[in-house]
Protein backbone atom coordinates (compact mmCIF):
# COMPACT_ATOMS: atom_id res chain seq x y z
CA UNK A 1 -5.76 -10.80 -11.01
CA UNK A 2 -5.40 -7.69 -8.57
CA UNK A 3 -7.81 -7.09 -5.98
CA UNK A 4 -10.04 -4.21 -7.01
CA UNK A 5 -9.03 -2.02 -4.07
CA UNK A 6 -5.52 -2.50 -4.21
CA UNK A 7 -3.05 -0.28 -6.16
CA UNK A 8 0.17 -1.43 -7.21
CA UNK A 9 3.33 0.64 -5.79
CA UNK A 10 6.21 1.10 -8.28
CA UNK A 11 7.95 -2.47 -8.83
CA UNK A 12 3.91 -3.62 -9.99
CA UNK A 13 3.17 -5.07 -6.33
CA UNK A 14 0.69 -5.17 -4.37
CA UNK A 15 0.62 -1.88 -2.07
CA UNK A 16 -1.03 -2.27 1.00
CA UNK A 17 -3.20 -0.59 3.08
CA UNK A 18 -3.10 0.24 7.02
CA UNK A 19 -6.42 0.42 9.14
CA UNK A 20 -7.29 1.19 12.61
CA UNK A 21 -10.44 0.39 14.51
CA UNK A 22 -10.05 2.90 18.56
CA UNK A 23 -12.21 0.97 20.19
CA UNK A 24 -12.92 1.47 24.55
CA UNK A 25 -10.17 0.02 25.61
CA UNK A 26 -8.03 -1.81 23.16
CA UNK A 27 -6.82 -0.23 19.33
CA UNK A 28 -7.05 -2.55 16.81
CA UNK A 29 -4.90 -2.81 13.32
CA UNK A 30 -4.88 -3.99 10.02
CA UNK A 31 -2.84 -4.39 7.48
CA UNK A 32 -2.55 -5.62 3.72
CA UNK A 33 -5.53 -5.03 1.86
CA UNK A 34 -9.11 -7.10 1.63
CA UNK A 35 -9.00 -10.39 1.82
CA UNK A 36 -5.30 -10.68 3.08
CA UNK A 37 -5.44 -8.87 6.05
CA UNK A 38 -2.90 -8.97 8.89
CA UNK A 39 -4.35 -8.48 11.73
CA UNK A 40 -3.23 -7.39 15.80
CA UNK A 41 -4.17 -5.12 19.04
CA UNK A 42 -1.76 -2.38 19.95
CA UNK A 43 -1.42 0.54 21.99
CA UNK A 44 -1.64 4.06 20.52
CA UNK A 45 1.04 4.80 17.69
CA UNK A 46 1.59 8.40 16.75
CA UNK A 47 3.68 8.02 13.86
CA UNK A 48 1.18 6.38 11.11
CA UNK A 49 -1.75 8.22 11.37
CA UNK A 50 -1.14 10.24 8.21
CA UNK A 51 -0.25 6.83 6.51
CA UNK A 52 -3.61 5.31 7.45
CA UNK A 53 -6.19 4.26 4.37
CA UNK A 54 -9.10 4.62 6.67
CA UNK A 55 -10.20 4.69 10.42
CA UNK A 56 -12.91 4.40 12.79
CA UNK A 57 -13.91 5.54 16.54
CA UNK A 58 -15.73 3.73 19.20
CA UNK A 59 -13.43 5.31 21.92
CA UNK A 60 -12.13 8.52 22.33
CA UNK A 61 -9.60 9.53 20.27
CA UNK A 62 -6.58 11.63 21.24
CA UNK A 63 -6.37 15.23 20.87
CA UNK A 64 -2.78 14.89 20.32
CA UNK A 65 -1.44 15.29 16.83
CA UNK A 66 -3.34 15.35 13.55
CA UNK A 67 -6.23 12.57 12.31
CA UNK A 68 -6.81 12.01 8.44
CA UNK A 69 -10.42 13.09 8.87
CA UNK A 70 -10.93 12.22 4.79
CA UNK A 71 -10.31 8.76 5.82
CA UNK A 72 -12.29 8.33 8.91
CA UNK A 73 -15.46 6.17 8.44
CA UNK A 74 -18.96 7.48 10.13
CA UNK A 75 -21.30 5.34 11.53
CA UNK A 76 -23.78 6.92 8.76
CA UNK A 77 -21.48 5.20 6.01
CA UNK A 78 -21.69 1.89 6.64
CA UNK A 79 -24.67 0.37 4.18
CA UNK A 80 -26.54 -1.36 6.76
CA UNK A 81 -30.31 -0.42 6.23
CA UNK A 82 -32.76 0.64 8.93
CA UNK A 83 -29.67 1.61 10.71
CA UNK A 84 -30.32 4.04 13.73
CA UNK A 85 -28.68 7.36 14.36
CA UNK A 86 -27.40 6.48 17.43
CA UNK A 87 -25.67 2.28 16.64
CA UNK A 88 -21.83 2.28 17.10
CA UNK A 89 -19.86 2.20 14.37
CA UNK A 90 -18.64 -1.22 15.60
CA UNK A 91 -21.72 -2.52 16.17
CA UNK A 92 -22.47 -1.01 12.81
CA UNK A 93 -19.35 -2.72 10.92
CA UNK A 94 -19.95 -6.14 12.04
CA UNK A 95 -23.57 -6.86 11.20
CA UNK A 96 -22.98 -5.25 8.20
CA UNK A 97 -20.00 -7.50 7.67
CA UNK A 98 -21.65 -10.68 8.54
CA UNK A 99 -24.69 -10.03 6.39
CA UNK A 100 -22.26 -9.49 3.98
CA UNK A 101 -20.83 -12.98 3.96
CA UNK A 102 -23.56 -14.95 5.46
CA UNK A 103 -26.11 -13.21 2.45
CA UNK A 104 -28.95 -14.29 5.39
CA UNK A 105 -29.75 -13.19 8.34
CA UNK A 106 -27.44 -13.09 11.24
CA UNK A 107 -26.73 -12.60 15.00
CA UNK A 108 -23.57 -11.03 15.86
CA UNK A 109 -21.77 -11.46 18.79
CA UNK A 110 -19.24 -8.72 19.50
CA UNK A 111 -17.08 -9.83 22.55
CA UNK A 112 -14.81 -6.73 23.66
CA UNK A 113 -15.46 -4.15 26.15
CA UNK A 114 -18.83 -4.49 26.22
CA UNK A 115 -20.47 -7.80 24.49
CA UNK A 116 -23.04 -6.21 21.61
CA UNK A 117 -25.59 -8.62 20.18
CA UNK A 118 -26.70 -7.39 17.01
CA UNK A 119 -29.40 -8.99 14.68
CA UNK A 120 -29.59 -8.27 11.17
CA UNK A 121 -32.26 -9.43 9.29
CA UNK A 122 -32.28 -11.31 5.55
CA UNK A 123 -32.89 -8.18 3.40
CA UNK A 124 -29.52 -6.61 5.89
CA UNK A 125 -31.65 -4.17 7.68
CA UNK A 126 -30.84 -3.41 11.73
CA UNK A 127 -33.05 -5.69 13.79
CA UNK A 128 -32.04 -4.52 17.38
CA UNK A 129 -29.58 -6.23 20.10
CA UNK A 130 -28.65 -6.64 23.07
CA UNK A 131 -25.39 -5.16 25.04
CA UNK A 132 -24.13 -6.67 28.55
CA UNK A 133 -20.50 -6.32 30.27
CA UNK A 134 -17.31 -8.07 28.78
CA UNK A 135 -15.27 -10.17 30.03
CA UNK A 136 -12.85 -8.29 31.35
CA UNK A 137 -15.16 -5.51 32.49
CA UNK A 138 -17.33 -7.86 34.82
CA UNK A 139 -14.00 -9.24 36.17
CA UNK A 140 -13.16 -5.51 36.92
CA UNK A 141 -16.22 -5.21 38.49
CA UNK A 142 -16.10 -8.57 40.75
CA UNK A 143 -12.50 -7.10 41.75
CA UNK A 144 -13.80 -4.00 42.40
CA UNK A 145 -16.98 -4.39 44.43
CA UNK A 146 -16.58 -7.95 46.27
CA UNK A 147 -13.25 -8.06 49.00
CA UNK A 148 -11.07 -10.87 48.83
CA UNK A 149 -11.02 -11.56 44.80
CA UNK A 150 -7.89 -10.93 42.94
CA UNK A 151 -6.93 -8.78 40.34
CA UNK A 152 -7.12 -10.53 37.03
CA UNK A 153 -3.74 -9.34 34.69
CA UNK A 154 -4.34 -9.99 30.85
CA UNK A 155 -7.52 -11.63 29.45
CA UNK A 156 -9.25 -14.21 31.31
CA UNK A 157 -7.88 -17.69 30.59
CA UNK A 158 -10.76 -20.42 30.44
CA UNK A 159 -9.34 -23.64 32.05
CA UNK A 160 -10.04 -27.56 31.00
CA UNK A 161 -11.77 -27.80 34.66
CA UNK A 162 -14.79 -26.91 34.35
CA UNK A 163 -15.13 -26.10 38.36
CA UNK A 164 -12.17 -25.07 39.12
CA UNK A 165 -11.12 -24.48 42.91
CA UNK A 166 -8.62 -21.44 43.08
CA UNK A 167 -9.91 -18.09 43.17
CA UNK A 168 -9.14 -16.17 39.56
CA UNK A 169 -9.51 -19.82 37.63
CA UNK A 170 -13.11 -19.61 39.13
CA UNK A 171 -13.53 -16.12 38.26
CA UNK A 172 -12.37 -16.58 34.54
CA UNK A 173 -14.44 -19.86 34.23
CA UNK A 174 -17.69 -18.08 35.46
CA UNK A 175 -17.46 -14.83 33.54
CA UNK A 176 -16.42 -16.47 30.23
CA UNK A 177 -19.00 -19.34 30.64
CA UNK A 178 -21.60 -16.92 31.75
CA UNK A 179 -20.84 -14.81 28.34
CA UNK A 180 -21.08 -18.20 25.96
CA UNK A 181 -24.83 -18.74 27.89
CA UNK A 182 -25.72 -15.62 27.00
CA UNK A 183 -24.93 -15.74 23.50
CA UNK A 184 -26.26 -19.21 22.94
CA UNK A 185 -29.71 -18.70 24.39
CA UNK A 186 -29.82 -15.55 22.25
CA UNK A 187 -28.78 -17.48 19.41
CA UNK A 188 -31.14 -19.79 19.81
CA UNK A 189 -34.27 -16.98 20.16
CA UNK A 190 -32.51 -15.41 16.71
CA UNK A 191 -32.95 -18.40 14.80
CA UNK A 192 -36.60 -18.92 16.15
CA UNK A 193 -37.32 -15.76 14.36
CA UNK A 194 -35.42 -16.40 11.72
CA UNK A 195 -34.69 -19.95 10.61
CA UNK A 196 -32.12 -19.45 8.43
CA UNK A 197 -30.11 -17.10 10.91
CA UNK A 198 -26.35 -17.33 11.21
CA UNK A 199 -24.60 -16.55 14.68
CA UNK A 200 -20.97 -14.92 14.41
CA UNK A 201 -18.84 -14.26 17.14
CA UNK A 202 -15.99 -12.23 17.03
CA UNK A 203 -13.80 -9.00 18.94
CA UNK A 204 -10.95 -10.43 21.10
CA UNK A 205 -12.92 -12.28 22.93
CA UNK A 206 -14.42 -14.16 19.97
CA UNK A 207 -12.07 -16.79 19.92
CA UNK A 208 -12.15 -17.75 23.31
CA UNK A 209 -15.70 -17.84 23.22
CA UNK A 210 -16.60 -19.66 20.27
CA UNK A 211 -15.90 -23.72 21.78
CA UNK A 212 -18.00 -22.85 24.82
CA UNK A 213 -21.11 -21.54 22.59
CA UNK A 214 -20.67 -24.13 19.98
CA UNK A 215 -20.75 -26.47 23.00
CA UNK A 216 -24.16 -25.55 24.51
CA UNK A 217 -25.15 -25.00 20.65
CA UNK A 218 -24.81 -29.03 19.93
CA UNK A 219 -28.20 -29.89 19.68
CA UNK A 220 -29.62 -26.55 17.35
CA UNK A 221 -29.54 -26.22 13.75
CA UNK A 222 -27.78 -22.85 14.45
CA UNK A 223 -24.64 -22.07 12.22
CA UNK A 224 -22.12 -20.89 14.36
CA UNK A 225 -18.91 -18.63 12.60
CA UNK A 226 -16.07 -17.42 14.72
CA UNK A 227 -14.06 -14.59 12.85
CA UNK A 228 -12.13 -11.87 15.81
CA UNK A 229 -11.83 -9.63 12.42
CA UNK A 230 -14.94 -8.72 11.41
CA UNK A 231 -14.60 -4.93 11.96
CA UNK A 232 -11.43 -4.51 10.09
CA UNK A 233 -12.54 -6.49 7.26
CA UNK A 234 -15.89 -4.09 7.07
CA UNK A 235 -13.46 -1.17 7.18
CA UNK A 236 -11.13 -2.23 4.61
CA UNK A 237 -13.74 -3.11 2.46
CA UNK A 238 -15.37 0.34 2.76
CA UNK A 239 -12.16 2.22 3.09
CA UNK A 240 -10.42 0.79 0.42
CA UNK A 241 -6.86 1.36 -0.95
CA UNK A 242 -7.07 4.30 -3.94
CA UNK A 243 -5.80 3.46 -7.17
CA UNK A 244 -3.02 5.90 -8.24
């Protein structure tokens, strides 16, 4: 049985959709149909804008070229209850998607340029959150504000050694373990307020943080899930491939 949001091409095959989330520092893509998405992050592409099934933007949208306004998803269109008007569309998407999948209270840690912590209560309503600088932003601040520290190219890499001797490895270790500790503590606090709460990690840094967070919460009953594509899954569900 085909997915209700997917359309068939002339040969009777599923016709894939194309979705884009413009982040603050990266563009995140998904192709396929809800439930079977191939995702990747890449630089801006001009030639595919007209083919977008749906898109949303947290970061700046380039002024060059035309953007399909009818397929853009705004924050107000995300079915997250009691959502303030100032909430970013990325936080709305991951909060709604995590709640939809868990059907209970959730805390979502989205590791991107910023690490956002978004709470959704058991009824699917926005319940506040926290914001702190993400891994790359922290490393950039360390390099810019401290003499003698190296610039780190690419995403931080966590080594198996918990007390690195090399400066670059010590920077990555300190930042990632610090973020994991913040997420774990927030998870404990969220669980205290909602005993069936589930903690979700998502975003580009989610898979790096997940094992550290699980280690820190080994003595807790808090369920920890990791899905780096929550925002794109939500976007695909809310801007489905039209039946034609």
